[in-house]
Amino acid sequence: MKFSSAWGSREVLDAVLVRPDLVAEISADTAIDRVGVYRHPLRYMRLRDRR
């Protein structure tokens, strides 16, 4: 999995995958513009235990 440091940047950031005990549930839609950028913010719903 690769993550960039900014929109349009080719600099790759290191990522460390973890197994969380607590997760944040969010709500999102799929509104994407012509260049592939998500246009609507995520909405926080609640914290919950990992299942």
N, C-alpha and C. Protein backbone atom coordinates (compact mmCIF):
# COMPACT_ATOMS: atom_id res chain seq x y z
N MET A 1 0.85 -1.17 0.00
CA MET A 1 0.00 0.00 0.00
C MET A 1 0.90 1.23 0.00
N LYS A 2 0.60 2.20 -0.87
CA LYS A 2 1.41 3.42 -0.96
C LYS A 2 0.56 4.64 -0.63
N PHE A 3 1.16 5.57 0.08
CA PHE A 3 0.52 6.84 0.42
C PHE A 3 1.45 7.96 -0.02
N SER A 4 0.88 9.03 -0.61
CA SER A 4 1.71 10.17 -1.01
C SER A 4 1.63 11.26 0.05
N SER A 5 2.62 12.14 0.05
CA SER A 5 2.71 13.18 1.08
C SER A 5 1.77 14.35 0.83
N ALA A 6 1.29 14.53 -0.41
CA ALA A 6 0.37 15.63 -0.75
C ALA A 6 -0.29 15.31 -2.09
N TRP A 7 -1.39 16.00 -2.39
CA TRP A 7 -2.05 15.80 -3.68
C TRP A 7 -1.07 16.11 -4.80
N GLY A 8 -0.93 15.21 -5.76
CA GLY A 8 -0.05 15.44 -6.90
C GLY A 8 1.41 15.16 -6.63
N SER A 9 1.77 14.83 -5.41
CA SER A 9 3.16 14.56 -5.06
C SER A 9 3.51 13.12 -5.43
N ARG A 10 4.76 12.90 -5.83
CA ARG A 10 5.22 11.54 -6.13
C ARG A 10 6.06 10.98 -4.97
N GLU A 11 6.28 11.80 -3.93
CA GLU A 11 7.01 11.34 -2.76
C GLU A 11 6.15 10.34 -1.99
N VAL A 12 6.68 9.16 -1.74
CA VAL A 12 5.93 8.09 -1.07
C VAL A 12 6.26 8.08 0.42
N LEU A 13 5.22 7.98 1.25
CA LEU A 13 5.39 7.91 2.70
C LEU A 13 5.41 6.45 3.15
N ASP A 14 6.15 6.16 4.20
CA ASP A 14 6.14 4.83 4.79
C ASP A 14 4.83 4.63 5.54
N ALA A 15 4.29 3.42 5.48
CA ALA A 15 3.06 3.09 6.19
C ALA A 15 3.29 1.86 7.05
N VAL A 16 2.72 1.88 8.25
CA VAL A 16 2.79 0.74 9.16
C VAL A 16 1.35 0.29 9.43
N LEU A 17 1.01 -0.92 9.03
CA LEU A 17 -0.34 -1.43 9.24
C LEU A 17 -0.46 -1.93 10.68
N VAL A 18 -1.58 -1.61 11.32
CA VAL A 18 -1.81 -2.00 12.72
C VAL A 18 -3.16 -2.70 12.83
N ARG A 19 -3.39 -3.37 13.94
CA ARG A 19 -4.67 -4.01 14.22
C ARG A 19 -5.27 -3.28 15.43
N PRO A 20 -6.17 -2.33 15.20
CA PRO A 20 -6.69 -1.50 16.29
C PRO A 20 -7.67 -2.25 17.19
N ASP A 21 -7.76 -1.83 18.44
CA ASP A 21 -8.76 -2.36 19.37
C ASP A 21 -10.03 -1.52 19.36
N LEU A 22 -9.92 -0.29 18.88
CA LEU A 22 -11.04 0.64 18.82
C LEU A 22 -11.03 1.28 17.44
N VAL A 23 -12.19 1.37 16.80
CA VAL A 23 -12.25 1.95 15.46
C VAL A 23 -13.30 3.05 15.41
N ALA A 24 -13.12 4.01 14.52
CA ALA A 24 -14.09 5.07 14.32
C ALA A 24 -14.96 4.70 13.12
N GLU A 25 -16.26 4.68 13.32
CA GLU A 25 -17.20 4.41 12.24
C GLU A 25 -17.52 5.74 11.56
N ILE A 26 -17.49 5.75 10.24
CA ILE A 26 -17.75 6.98 9.49
C ILE A 26 -18.83 6.73 8.44
N SER A 27 -19.36 7.81 7.90
CA SER A 27 -20.30 7.75 6.79
C SER A 27 -19.67 8.53 5.64
N ALA A 28 -19.76 7.97 4.44
CA ALA A 28 -19.16 8.63 3.28
C ALA A 28 -19.97 8.32 2.04
N ASP A 29 -19.88 9.18 1.04
CA ASP A 29 -20.49 8.86 -0.25
C ASP A 29 -19.39 8.77 -1.30
N THR A 30 -19.76 8.56 -2.53
CA THR A 30 -18.76 8.32 -3.57
C THR A 30 -18.68 9.45 -4.59
N ALA A 31 -18.90 10.69 -4.17
CA ALA A 31 -18.81 11.83 -5.09
C ALA A 31 -17.35 12.11 -5.42
N ILE A 32 -16.97 11.81 -6.65
CA ILE A 32 -15.60 11.99 -7.11
C ILE A 32 -15.62 12.89 -8.35
N ASP A 33 -14.72 13.87 -8.41
CA ASP A 33 -14.68 14.74 -9.58
C ASP A 33 -13.93 14.07 -10.74
N ARG A 34 -13.75 14.79 -11.83
CA ARG A 34 -13.15 14.22 -13.05
C ARG A 34 -11.71 13.75 -12.89
N VAL A 35 -10.99 14.29 -11.91
CA VAL A 35 -9.59 13.88 -11.72
C VAL A 35 -9.43 12.87 -10.58
N GLY A 36 -10.56 12.38 -10.04
CA GLY A 36 -10.50 11.34 -9.03
C GLY A 36 -10.41 11.80 -7.60
N VAL A 37 -10.72 13.07 -7.33
CA VAL A 37 -10.65 13.61 -5.96
C VAL A 37 -12.04 13.51 -5.32
N TYR A 38 -12.09 12.96 -4.09
CA TYR A 38 -13.36 12.90 -3.35
C TYR A 38 -13.79 14.32 -3.01
N ARG A 39 -15.06 14.67 -3.25
CA ARG A 39 -15.53 16.04 -3.09
C ARG A 39 -16.31 16.28 -1.81
N HIS A 40 -16.78 15.26 -1.11
CA HIS A 40 -17.57 15.46 0.10
C HIS A 40 -16.80 14.95 1.32
N PRO A 41 -16.92 15.64 2.45
CA PRO A 41 -16.20 15.20 3.65
C PRO A 41 -16.81 13.93 4.24
N LEU A 42 -16.03 13.25 5.04
CA LEU A 42 -16.53 12.10 5.80
C LEU A 42 -17.28 12.62 7.01
N ARG A 43 -18.21 11.82 7.51
CA ARG A 43 -18.95 12.20 8.72
C ARG A 43 -18.67 11.16 9.81
N TYR A 44 -18.25 11.64 10.96
CA TYR A 44 -17.99 10.78 12.11
C TYR A 44 -19.33 10.26 12.63
N MET A 45 -19.41 8.95 12.87
CA MET A 45 -20.65 8.35 13.40
C MET A 45 -20.48 7.97 14.88
N ARG A 46 -19.49 7.10 15.18
CA ARG A 46 -19.28 6.66 16.55
C ARG A 46 -17.97 5.89 16.66
N LEU A 47 -17.53 5.69 17.91
CA LEU A 47 -16.41 4.79 18.18
C LEU A 47 -17.00 3.43 18.53
N ARG A 48 -16.32 2.34 18.12
CA ARG A 48 -16.80 1.02 18.47
C ARG A 48 -15.61 0.06 18.64
N ASP A 49 -15.84 -1.02 19.36
CA ASP A 49 -14.83 -2.07 19.52
C ASP A 49 -14.64 -2.76 18.18
N ARG A 50 -13.42 -3.21 17.93
CA ARG A 50 -13.14 -3.96 16.71
C ARG A 50 -13.82 -5.32 16.86
N ARG A 51 -14.46 -5.76 15.78
CA ARG A 51 -15.12 -7.08 15.80
C ARG A 51 -14.46 -8.01 14.85
